[in-house]
Amino acid sequence: MTTIDAFRSSVSAEAPPADLKPALQALWWAKRGDWSRAHECVQQHEDDADCNWVHAHLHRQEGDMRNAGGWYRTAGKPVADQSLEEEWNALAAEMLARK
């Protein structure tokens, strides 16, 4: 399992680690500051609950709470009430633990 610190540090690379699932790839791009690339990752996998959860986080980051709320519902998750950074950490930690 990759640790959250190793995952966070990996954003200095040119691309995400090859073995990451799409939701983690999207979180990687988001941490790198490439919202559009992160959004593309999750849009291509709308049948995946983790991607839908990250999709919600991305729209929350964008400030589009109506759209984010829809993606939280689709993912079966409550709307996050912690900071964006705390939510990113929680998403990454949970998904890395299942990797």
PDB file of N, CA and C in Angstrom:
ATOM      1  N   MET A   1       0.832  -1.177   0.000  1.00  0.00           N
ATOM      2  CA  MET A   1       0.000   0.000   0.000  1.00  0.00           C
ATOM      3  C   MET A   1       0.885   1.252   0.000  1.00  0.00           C
ATOM      4  N   THR A   2       0.515   2.193  -0.799  1.00  0.00           N
ATOM      5  CA  THR A   2       1.176   3.492  -0.827  1.00  0.00           C
ATOM      6  C   THR A   2       0.675   4.323   0.340  1.00  0.00           C
ATOM      7  N   THR A   3       1.565   5.015   1.014  1.00  0.00           N
ATOM      8  CA  THR A   3       1.144   5.881   2.106  1.00  0.00           C
ATOM      9  C   THR A   3       0.623   7.205   1.547  1.00  0.00           C
ATOM     10  N   ILE A   4      -0.153   7.899   2.355  1.00  0.00           N
ATOM     11  CA  ILE A   4      -0.679   9.195   1.943  1.00  0.00           C
ATOM     12  C   ILE A   4       0.466  10.168   1.690  1.00  0.00           C
ATOM     13  N   ASP A   5       1.525  10.098   2.497  1.00  0.00           N
ATOM     14  CA  ASP A   5       2.668  10.997   2.303  1.00  0.00           C
ATOM     15  C   ASP A   5       3.386  10.700   0.992  1.00  0.00           C
ATOM     16  N   ALA A   6       3.568   9.430   0.683  1.00  0.00           N
ATOM     17  CA  ALA A   6       4.210   9.061  -0.587  1.00  0.00           C
ATOM     18  C   ALA A   6       3.336   9.481  -1.765  1.00  0.00           C
ATOM     19  N   PHE A   7       2.030   9.288  -1.627  1.00  0.00           N
ATOM     20  CA  PHE A   7       1.099   9.692  -2.693  1.00  0.00           C
ATOM     21  C   PHE A   7       1.172  11.200  -2.901  1.00  0.00           C
ATOM     22  N   ARG A   8       1.123  11.953  -1.818  1.00  0.00           N
ATOM     23  CA  ARG A   8       1.185  13.413  -1.893  1.00  0.00           C
ATOM     24  C   ARG A   8       2.506  13.851  -2.528  1.00  0.00           C
ATOM     25  N   SER A   9       3.600  13.216  -2.162  1.00  0.00           N
ATOM     26  CA  SER A   9       4.916  13.566  -2.702  1.00  0.00           C
ATOM     27  C   SER A   9       5.050  13.220  -4.179  1.00  0.00           C
ATOM     28  N   SER A  10       4.294  12.243  -4.621  1.00  0.00           N
ATOM     29  CA  SER A  10       4.420  11.794  -6.021  1.00  0.00           C
ATOM     30  C   SER A  10       3.952  12.839  -7.022  1.00  0.00           C
ATOM     31  N   VAL A  11       3.268  13.888  -6.561  1.00  0.00           N
ATOM     32  CA  VAL A  11       2.772  14.896  -7.513  1.00  0.00           C
ATOM     33  C   VAL A  11       3.892  15.711  -8.141  1.00  0.00           C
ATOM     34  N   SER A  12       5.114  15.540  -7.680  1.00  0.00           N
ATOM     35  CA  SER A  12       6.236  16.220  -8.326  1.00  0.00           C
ATOM     36  C   SER A  12       6.644  15.524  -9.621  1.00  0.00           C
ATOM     37  N   ALA A  13       6.137  14.322  -9.851  1.00  0.00           N
ATOM     38  CA  ALA A  13       6.424  13.591 -11.090  1.00  0.00           C
ATOM     39  C   ALA A  13       5.607  14.192 -12.239  1.00  0.00           C
ATOM     40  N   GLU A  14       5.913  13.775 -13.441  1.00  0.00           N
ATOM     41  CA  GLU A  14       5.207  14.276 -14.628  1.00  0.00           C
ATOM     42  C   GLU A  14       3.817  13.667 -14.799  1.00  0.00           C
ATOM     43  N   ALA A  15       3.642  12.461 -14.274  1.00  0.00           N
ATOM     44  CA  ALA A  15       2.367  11.755 -14.420  1.00  0.00           C
ATOM     45  C   ALA A  15       2.125  10.928 -13.161  1.00  0.00           C
ATOM     46  N   PRO A  16       0.865  10.580 -12.913  1.00  0.00           N
ATOM     47  CA  PRO A  16       0.578   9.761 -11.730  1.00  0.00           C
ATOM     48  C   PRO A  16       1.172   8.363 -11.875  1.00  0.00           C
ATOM     49  N   PRO A  17       1.428   7.695 -10.755  1.00  0.00           N
ATOM     50  CA  PRO A  17       1.905   6.310 -10.825  1.00  0.00           C
ATOM     51  C   PRO A  17       0.953   5.454 -11.670  1.00  0.00           C
ATOM     52  N   ALA A  18       1.519   4.587 -12.470  1.00  0.00           N
ATOM     53  CA  ALA A  18       0.750   3.810 -13.446  1.00  0.00           C
ATOM     54  C   ALA A  18      -0.273   2.874 -12.813  1.00  0.00           C
ATOM     55  N   ASP A  19      -0.061   2.460 -11.578  1.00  0.00           N
ATOM     56  CA  ASP A  19      -0.953   1.473 -10.963  1.00  0.00           C
ATOM     57  C   ASP A  19      -2.150   2.090 -10.249  1.00  0.00           C
ATOM     58  N   LEU A  20      -2.348   3.399 -10.354  1.00  0.00           N
ATOM     59  CA  LEU A  20      -3.467   4.043  -9.669  1.00  0.00           C
ATOM     60  C   LEU A  20      -4.778   3.857 -10.421  1.00  0.00           C
ATOM     61  N   LYS A  21      -5.830   3.611  -9.655  1.00  0.00           N
ATOM     62  CA  LYS A  21      -7.173   3.566 -10.230  1.00  0.00           C
ATOM     63  C   LYS A  21      -7.580   4.987 -10.618  1.00  0.00           C
ATOM     64  N   PRO A  22      -8.589   5.119 -11.497  1.00  0.00           N
ATOM     65  CA  PRO A  22      -8.972   6.448 -11.991  1.00  0.00           C
ATOM     66  C   PRO A  22      -9.291   7.481 -10.903  1.00  0.00           C
ATOM     67  N   ALA A  23      -9.958   7.090  -9.824  1.00  0.00           N
ATOM     68  CA  ALA A  23     -10.288   8.056  -8.771  1.00  0.00           C
ATOM     69  C   ALA A  23      -9.021   8.607  -8.123  1.00  0.00           C
ATOM     70  N   LEU A  24      -8.041   7.753  -7.886  1.00  0.00           N
ATOM     71  CA  LEU A  24      -6.777   8.214  -7.314  1.00  0.00           C
ATOM     72  C   LEU A  24      -5.986   9.040  -8.319  1.00  0.00           C
ATOM     73  N   GLN A  25      -6.074   8.681  -9.590  1.00  0.00           N
ATOM     74  CA  GLN A  25      -5.436   9.505 -10.622  1.00  0.00           C
ATOM     75  C   GLN A  25      -6.026  10.914 -10.592  1.00  0.00           C
ATOM     76  N   ALA A  26      -7.341  10.998 -10.474  1.00  0.00           N
ATOM     77  CA  ALA A  26      -8.006  12.300 -10.426  1.00  0.00           C
ATOM     78  C   ALA A  26      -7.555  13.092  -9.196  1.00  0.00           C
ATOM     79  N   LEU A  27      -7.469  12.439  -8.050  1.00  0.00           N
ATOM     80  CA  LEU A  27      -6.976  13.129  -6.854  1.00  0.00           C
ATOM     81  C   LEU A  27      -5.542  13.595  -7.043  1.00  0.00           C
ATOM     82  N   TRP A  28      -4.736  12.790  -7.711  1.00  0.00           N
ATOM     83  CA  TRP A  28      -3.349  13.152  -8.000  1.00  0.00           C
ATOM     84  C   TRP A  28      -3.310  14.429  -8.842  1.00  0.00           C
ATOM     85  N   TRP A  29      -4.107  14.457  -9.930  1.00  0.00           N
ATOM     86  CA  TRP A  29      -4.137  15.648 -10.788  1.00  0.00           C
ATOM     87  C   TRP A  29      -4.675  16.859 -10.037  1.00  0.00           C
ATOM     88  N   ALA A  30      -5.659  16.642  -9.184  1.00  0.00           N
ATOM     89  CA  ALA A  30      -6.216  17.754  -8.402  1.00  0.00           C
ATOM     90  C   ALA A  30      -5.154  18.328  -7.472  1.00  0.00           C
ATOM     91  N   LYS A  31      -4.398  17.458  -6.807  1.00  0.00           N
ATOM     92  CA  LYS A  31      -3.340  17.921  -5.902  1.00  0.00           C
ATOM     93  C   LYS A  31      -2.265  18.681  -6.683  1.00  0.00           C
ATOM     94  N   ARG A  32      -2.061  18.282  -7.896  1.00  0.00           N
ATOM     95  CA  ARG A  32      -1.063  18.946  -8.742  1.00  0.00           C
ATOM     96  C   ARG A  32      -1.583  20.297  -9.260  1.00  0.00           C
ATOM     97  N   GLY A  33      -2.874  20.545  -9.081  1.00  0.00           N
ATOM     98  CA  GLY A  33      -3.456  21.813  -9.501  1.00  0.00           C
ATOM     99  C   GLY A  33      -4.060  21.792 -10.889  1.00  0.00           C
ATOM    100  N   ASP A  34      -4.226  20.593 -11.452  1.00  0.00           N
ATOM    101  CA  ASP A  34      -4.801  20.471 -12.798  1.00  0.00           C
ATOM    102  C   ASP A  34      -6.243  19.961 -12.670  1.00  0.00           C
ATOM    103  N   TRP A  35      -7.153  20.898 -12.340  1.00  0.00           N
ATOM    104  CA  TRP A  35      -8.557  20.550 -12.131  1.00  0.00           C
ATOM    105  C   TRP A  35      -9.164  19.914 -13.380  1.00  0.00           C
ATOM    106  N   SER A  36      -8.868  20.457 -14.537  1.00  0.00           N
ATOM    107  CA  SER A  36      -9.455  19.936 -15.786  1.00  0.00           C
ATOM    108  C   SER A  36      -9.055  18.494 -16.039  1.00  0.00           C
ATOM    109  N   ARG A  37      -7.799  18.180 -15.835  1.00  0.00           N
ATOM    110  CA  ARG A  37      -7.330  16.798 -16.041  1.00  0.00           C
ATOM    111  C   ARG A  37      -7.973  15.871 -15.015  1.00  0.00           C
ATOM    112  N   ALA A  38      -8.100  16.333 -13.781  1.00  0.00           N
ATOM    113  CA  ALA A  38      -8.758  15.538 -12.741  1.00  0.00           C
ATOM    114  C   ALA A  38     -10.211  15.275 -13.120  1.00  0.00           C
ATOM    115  N   HIS A  39     -10.878  16.311 -13.602  1.00  0.00           N
ATOM    116  CA  HIS A  39     -12.283  16.190 -13.998  1.00  0.00           C
ATOM    117  C   HIS A  39     -12.443  15.215 -15.162  1.00  0.00           C
ATOM    118  N   GLU A  40     -11.534  15.268 -16.118  1.00  0.00           N
ATOM    119  CA  GLU A  40     -11.571  14.320 -17.243  1.00  0.00           C
ATOM    120  C   GLU A  40     -11.483  12.884 -16.745  1.00  0.00           C
ATOM    121  N   CYS A  41     -10.617  12.630 -15.764  1.00  0.00           N
ATOM    122  CA  CYS A  41     -10.462  11.267 -15.218  1.00  0.00           C
ATOM    123  C   CYS A  41     -11.777  10.740 -14.676  1.00  0.00           C
ATOM    124  N   VAL A  42     -12.459  11.551 -13.877  1.00  0.00           N
ATOM    125  CA  VAL A  42     -13.687  11.055 -13.253  1.00  0.00           C
ATOM    126  C   VAL A  42     -14.839  10.998 -14.240  1.00  0.00           C
ATOM    127  N   GLN A  43     -14.879  11.914 -15.185  1.00  0.00           N
ATOM    128  CA  GLN A  43     -15.962  11.899 -16.182  1.00  0.00           C
ATOM    129  C   GLN A  43     -15.942  10.626 -17.018  1.00  0.00           C
ATOM    130  N   GLN A  44     -14.785  10.068 -17.228  1.00  0.00           N
ATOM    131  CA  GLN A  44     -14.666   8.856 -18.034  1.00  0.00           C
ATOM    132  C   GLN A  44     -15.070   7.597 -17.272  1.00  0.00           C
ATOM    133  N   HIS A  45     -15.368   7.736 -15.985  1.00  0.00           N
ATOM    134  CA  HIS A  45     -15.668   6.562 -15.146  1.00  0.00           C
ATOM    135  C   HIS A  45     -16.861   6.822 -14.237  1.00  0.00           C
ATOM    136  N   GLU A  46     -17.947   7.318 -14.800  1.00  0.00           N
ATOM    137  CA  GLU A  46     -19.127   7.660 -14.000  1.00  0.00           C
ATOM    138  C   GLU A  46     -19.877   6.443 -13.473  1.00  0.00           C
ATOM    139  N   ASP A  47     -19.433   5.250 -13.836  1.00  0.00           N
ATOM    140  CA  ASP A  47     -20.023   4.026 -13.299  1.00  0.00           C
ATOM    141  C   ASP A  47     -19.283   3.568 -12.036  1.00  0.00           C
ATOM    142  N   ASP A  48     -18.284   4.328 -11.601  1.00  0.00           N
ATOM    143  CA  ASP A  48     -17.446   3.973 -10.463  1.00  0.00           C
ATOM    144  C   ASP A  48     -17.776   4.892  -9.283  1.00  0.00           C
ATOM    145  N   ALA A  49     -18.152   4.322  -8.142  1.00  0.00           N
ATOM    146  CA  ALA A  49     -18.558   5.110  -6.974  1.00  0.00           C
ATOM    147  C   ALA A  49     -17.435   6.010  -6.464  1.00  0.00           C
ATOM    148  N   ASP A  50     -16.194   5.517  -6.465  1.00  0.00           N
ATOM    149  CA  ASP A  50     -15.078   6.356  -6.017  1.00  0.00           C
ATOM    150  C   ASP A  50     -14.883   7.552  -6.943  1.00  0.00           C
ATOM    151  N   CYS A  51     -15.012   7.336  -8.236  1.00  0.00           N
ATOM    152  CA  CYS A  51     -14.897   8.449  -9.187  1.00  0.00           C
ATOM    153  C   CYS A  51     -16.015   9.462  -8.965  1.00  0.00           C
ATOM    154  N   ASN A  52     -17.201   8.986  -8.662  1.00  0.00           N
ATOM    155  CA  ASN A  52     -18.315   9.902  -8.393  1.00  0.00           C
ATOM    156  C   ASN A  52     -18.062  10.714  -7.132  1.00  0.00           C
ATOM    157  N   TRP A  53     -17.452  10.099  -6.142  1.00  0.00           N
ATOM    158  CA  TRP A  53     -17.122  10.796  -4.900  1.00  0.00           C
ATOM    159  C   TRP A  53     -16.069  11.876  -5.157  1.00  0.00           C
ATOM    160  N   VAL A  54     -15.041  11.531  -5.932  1.00  0.00           N
ATOM    161  CA  VAL A  54     -14.017  12.522  -6.287  1.00  0.00           C
ATOM    162  C   VAL A  54     -14.632  13.610  -7.160  1.00  0.00           C
ATOM    163  N   HIS A  55     -15.544  13.217  -8.040  1.00  0.00           N
ATOM    164  CA  HIS A  55     -16.239  14.184  -8.898  1.00  0.00           C
ATOM    165  C   HIS A  55     -16.946  15.228  -8.033  1.00  0.00           C
ATOM    166  N   ALA A  56     -17.598  14.777  -6.971  1.00  0.00           N
ATOM    167  CA  ALA A  56     -18.263  15.687  -6.038  1.00  0.00           C
ATOM    168  C   ALA A  56     -17.244  16.639  -5.407  1.00  0.00           C
ATOM    169  N   HIS A  57     -16.132  16.088  -4.969  1.00  0.00           N
ATOM    170  CA  HIS A  57     -15.079  16.900  -4.360  1.00  0.00           C
ATOM    171  C   HIS A  57     -14.585  17.967  -5.343  1.00  0.00           C
ATOM    172  N   LEU A  58     -14.409  17.590  -6.591  1.00  0.00           N
ATOM    173  CA  LEU A  58     -13.916  18.545  -7.583  1.00  0.00           C
ATOM    174  C   LEU A  58     -14.898  19.692  -7.802  1.00  0.00           C
ATOM    175  N   HIS A  59     -16.197  19.380  -7.862  1.00  0.00           N
ATOM    176  CA  HIS A  59     -17.171  20.457  -8.047  1.00  0.00           C
ATOM    177  C   HIS A  59     -17.296  21.308  -6.786  1.00  0.00           C
ATOM    178  N   ARG A  60     -17.081  20.706  -5.634  1.00  0.00           N
ATOM    179  CA  ARG A  60     -17.034  21.487  -4.393  1.00  0.00           C
ATOM    180  C   ARG A  60     -15.833  22.435  -4.438  1.00  0.00           C
ATOM    181  N   GLN A  61     -14.698  21.920  -4.893  1.00  0.00           N
ATOM    182  CA  GLN A  61     -13.494  22.738  -5.027  1.00  0.00           C
ATOM    183  C   GLN A  61     -13.744  23.899  -5.997  1.00  0.00           C
ATOM    184  N   GLU A  62     -14.492  23.628  -7.026  1.00  0.00           N
ATOM    185  CA  GLU A  62     -14.817  24.636  -8.031  1.00  0.00           C
ATOM    186  C   GLU A  62     -15.794  25.685  -7.481  1.00  0.00           C
ATOM    187  N   GLY A  63     -16.514  25.324  -6.421  1.00  0.00           N
ATOM    188  CA  GLY A  63     -17.506  26.229  -5.855  1.00  0.00           C
ATOM    189  C   GLY A  63     -18.907  26.000  -6.374  1.00  0.00           C
ATOM    190  N   ASP A  64     -19.105  24.930  -7.132  1.00  0.00           N
ATOM    191  CA  ASP A  64     -20.414  24.595  -7.700  1.00  0.00           C
ATOM    192  C   ASP A  64     -21.098  23.574  -6.789  1.00  0.00           C
ATOM    193  N   MET A  65     -21.693  24.073  -5.708  1.00  0.00           N
ATOM    194  CA  MET A  65     -22.266  23.177  -4.702  1.00  0.00           C
ATOM    195  C   MET A  65     -23.500  22.433  -5.193  1.00  0.00           C
ATOM    196  N   ARG A  66     -24.266  23.007  -6.116  1.00  0.00           N
ATOM    197  CA  ARG A  66     -25.421  22.292  -6.659  1.00  0.00           C
ATOM    198  C   ARG A  66     -24.951  21.044  -7.404  1.00  0.00           C
ATOM    199  N   ASN A  67     -23.965  21.208  -8.251  1.00  0.00           N
ATOM    200  CA  ASN A  67     -23.418  20.080  -9.006  1.00  0.00           C
ATOM    201  C   ASN A  67     -22.729  19.098  -8.058  1.00  0.00           C
ATOM    202  N   ALA A  68     -21.969  19.614  -7.103  1.00  0.00           N
ATOM    203  CA  ALA A  68     -21.297  18.745  -6.132  1.00  0.00           C
ATOM    204  C   ALA A  68     -22.312  17.903  -5.370  1.00  0.00           C
ATOM    205  N   GLY A  69     -23.405  18.535  -4.938  1.00  0.00           N
ATOM    206  CA  GLY A  69     -24.430  17.810  -4.196  1.00  0.00           C
ATOM    207  C   GLY A  69     -24.990  16.637  -4.977  1.00  0.00           C
ATOM    208  N   GLY A  70     -25.186  16.827  -6.264  1.00  0.00           N
ATOM    209  CA  GLY A  70     -25.665  15.735  -7.106  1.00  0.00           C
ATOM    210  C   GLY A  70     -24.681  14.576  -7.159  1.00  0.00           C
ATOM    211  N   TRP A  71     -23.389  14.894  -7.232  1.00  0.00           N
ATOM    212  CA  TRP A  71     -22.376  13.835  -7.286  1.00  0.00           C
ATOM    213  C   TRP A  71     -22.207  13.148  -5.933  1.00  0.00           C
ATOM    214  N   TYR A  72     -22.347  13.894  -4.838  1.00  0.00           N
ATOM    215  CA  TYR A  72     -22.321  13.233  -3.530  1.00  0.00           C
ATOM    216  C   TYR A  72     -23.487  12.241  -3.433  1.00  0.00           C
ATOM    217  N   ARG A  73     -24.671  12.652  -3.878  1.00  0.00           N
ATOM    218  CA  ARG A  73     -25.827  11.737  -3.856  1.00  0.00           C
ATOM    219  C   ARG A  73     -25.561  10.511  -4.725  1.00  0.00           C
ATOM    220  N   THR A  74     -25.036  10.724  -5.921  1.00  0.00           N
ATOM    221  CA  THR A  74     -24.741   9.612  -6.827  1.00  0.00           C
ATOM    222  C   THR A  74     -23.732   8.657  -6.200  1.00  0.00           C
ATOM    223  N   ALA A  75     -22.757   9.209  -5.485  1.00  0.00           N
ATOM    224  CA  ALA A  75     -21.732   8.385  -4.835  1.00  0.00           C
ATOM    225  C   ALA A  75     -22.236   7.736  -3.546  1.00  0.00           C
ATOM    226  N   GLY A  76     -23.409   8.173  -3.063  1.00  0.00           N
ATOM    227  CA  GLY A  76     -23.939   7.640  -1.810  1.00  0.00           C
ATOM    228  C   GLY A  76     -23.195   8.159  -0.596  1.00  0.00           C
ATOM    229  N   LYS A  77     -22.678   9.378  -0.699  1.00  0.00           N
ATOM    230  CA  LYS A  77     -21.891   9.976   0.383  1.00  0.00           C
ATOM    231  C   LYS A  77     -22.541  11.276   0.833  1.00  0.00           C
ATOM    232  N   PRO A  78     -22.382  11.631   2.109  1.00  0.00           N
ATOM    233  CA  PRO A  78     -22.898  12.926   2.570  1.00  0.00           C
ATOM    234  C   PRO A  78     -22.033  14.057   2.008  1.00  0.00           C
ATOM    235  N   VAL A  79     -22.625  15.224   1.872  1.00  0.00           N
ATOM    236  CA  VAL A  79     -21.871  16.395   1.432  1.00  0.00           C
ATOM    237  C   VAL A  79     -20.815  16.696   2.492  1.00  0.00           C
ATOM    238  N   ALA A  80     -19.589  16.861   2.061  1.00  0.00           N
ATOM    239  CA  ALA A  80     -18.476  17.107   2.983  1.00  0.00           C
ATOM    240  C   ALA A  80     -18.633  18.457   3.668  1.00  0.00           C
ATOM    241  N   ASP A  81     -18.251  18.505   4.944  1.00  0.00           N
ATOM    242  CA  ASP A  81     -18.302  19.770   5.673  1.00  0.00           C
ATOM    243  C   ASP A  81     -16.937  20.181   6.217  1.00  0.00           C
ATOM    244  N   GLN A  82     -15.900  19.396   5.904  1.00  0.00           N
ATOM    245  CA  GLN A  82     -14.559  19.771   6.329  1.00  0.00           C
ATOM    246  C   GLN A  82     -13.893  20.604   5.221  1.00  0.00           C
ATOM    247  N   SER A  83     -12.701  21.070   5.475  1.00  0.00           N
ATOM    248  CA  SER A  83     -11.990  21.850   4.465  1.00  0.00           C
ATOM    249  C   SER A  83     -11.720  20.974   3.238  1.00  0.00           C
ATOM    250  N   LEU A  84     -11.451  21.619   2.127  1.00  0.00           N
ATOM    251  CA  LEU A  84     -11.125  20.874   0.905  1.00  0.00           C
ATOM    252  C   LEU A  84      -9.886  20.012   1.108  1.00  0.00           C
ATOM    253  N   GLU A  85      -8.896  20.544   1.800  1.00  0.00           N
ATOM    254  CA  GLU A  85      -7.666  19.783   2.049  1.00  0.00           C
ATOM    255  C   GLU A  85      -7.958  18.558   2.917  1.00  0.00           C
ATOM    256  N   GLU A  86      -8.767  18.742   3.953  1.00  0.00           N
ATOM    257  CA  GLU A  86      -9.128  17.605   4.809  1.00  0.00           C
ATOM    258  C   GLU A  86      -9.916  16.563   4.030  1.00  0.00           C
ATOM    259  N   GLU A  87     -10.813  17.020   3.169  1.00  0.00           N
ATOM    260  CA  GLU A  87     -11.572  16.064   2.360  1.00  0.00           C
ATOM    261  C   GLU A  87     -10.653  15.323   1.405  1.00  0.00           C
ATOM    262  N   TRP A  88      -9.741  16.039   0.757  1.00  0.00           N
ATOM    263  CA  TRP A  88      -8.792  15.392  -0.165  1.00  0.00           C
ATOM    264  C   TRP A  88      -8.015  14.311   0.584  1.00  0.00           C
ATOM    265  N   ASN A  89      -7.521  14.660   1.776  1.00  0.00           N
ATOM    266  CA  ASN A  89      -6.761  13.693   2.580  1.00  0.00           C
ATOM    267  C   ASN A  89      -7.609  12.476   2.928  1.00  0.00           C
ATOM    268  N   ALA A  90      -8.858  12.692   3.311  1.00  0.00           N
ATOM    269  CA  ALA A  90      -9.743  11.577   3.674  1.00  0.00           C
ATOM    270  C   ALA A  90     -10.023  10.688   2.467  1.00  0.00           C
ATOM    271  N   LEU A  91     -10.299  11.303   1.327  1.00  0.00           N
ATOM    272  CA  LEU A  91     -10.541  10.530   0.103  1.00  0.00           C
ATOM    273  C   LEU A  91      -9.314   9.698  -0.251  1.00  0.00           C
ATOM    274  N   ALA A  92      -8.163  10.349  -0.299  1.00  0.00           N
ATOM    275  CA  ALA A  92      -6.936   9.652  -0.682  1.00  0.00           C
ATOM    276  C   ALA A  92      -6.615   8.527   0.299  1.00  0.00           C
ATOM    277  N   ALA A  93      -6.719   8.807   1.592  1.00  0.00           N
ATOM    278  CA  ALA A  93      -6.395   7.789   2.596  1.00  0.00           C
ATOM    279  C   ALA A  93      -7.310   6.573   2.464  1.00  0.00           C
ATOM    280  N   GLU A  94      -8.605   6.821   2.307  1.00  0.00           N
ATOM    281  CA  GLU A  94      -9.530   5.694   2.190  1.00  0.00           C
ATOM    282  C   GLU A  94      -9.266   4.872   0.931  1.00  0.00           C
ATOM    283  N   MET A  95      -9.065   5.553  -0.174  1.00  0.00           N
ATOM    284  CA  MET A  95      -8.866   4.845  -1.445  1.00  0.00           C
ATOM    285  C   MET A  95      -7.515   4.147  -1.491  1.00  0.00           C
ATOM    286  N   LEU A  96      -6.494   4.736  -0.901  1.00  0.00           N
ATOM    287  CA  LEU A  96      -5.188   4.075  -0.839  1.00  0.00           C
ATOM    288  C   LEU A  96      -5.237   2.839   0.055  1.00  0.00           C
ATOM    289  N   ALA A  97      -6.028   2.900   1.120  1.00  0.00           N
ATOM    290  CA  ALA A  97      -6.148   1.748   2.023  1.00  0.00           C
ATOM    291  C   ALA A  97      -6.778   0.549   1.318  1.00  0.00           C
ATOM    292  N   ARG A  98      -7.588   0.828   0.297  1.00  0.00           N
ATOM    293  CA  ARG A  98      -8.250  -0.258  -0.446  1.00  0.00           C
ATOM    294  C   ARG A  98      -7.477  -0.642  -1.699  1.00  0.00           C
ATOM    295  N   LYS A  99      -6.409   0.045  -1.983  1.00  0.00           N
ATOM    296  CA  LYS A  99      -5.650  -0.175  -3.229  1.00  0.00           C
ATOM    297  C   LYS A  99      -5.016  -1.552  -3.271  1.00  0.00           C
TER     298      LYS A  99
END
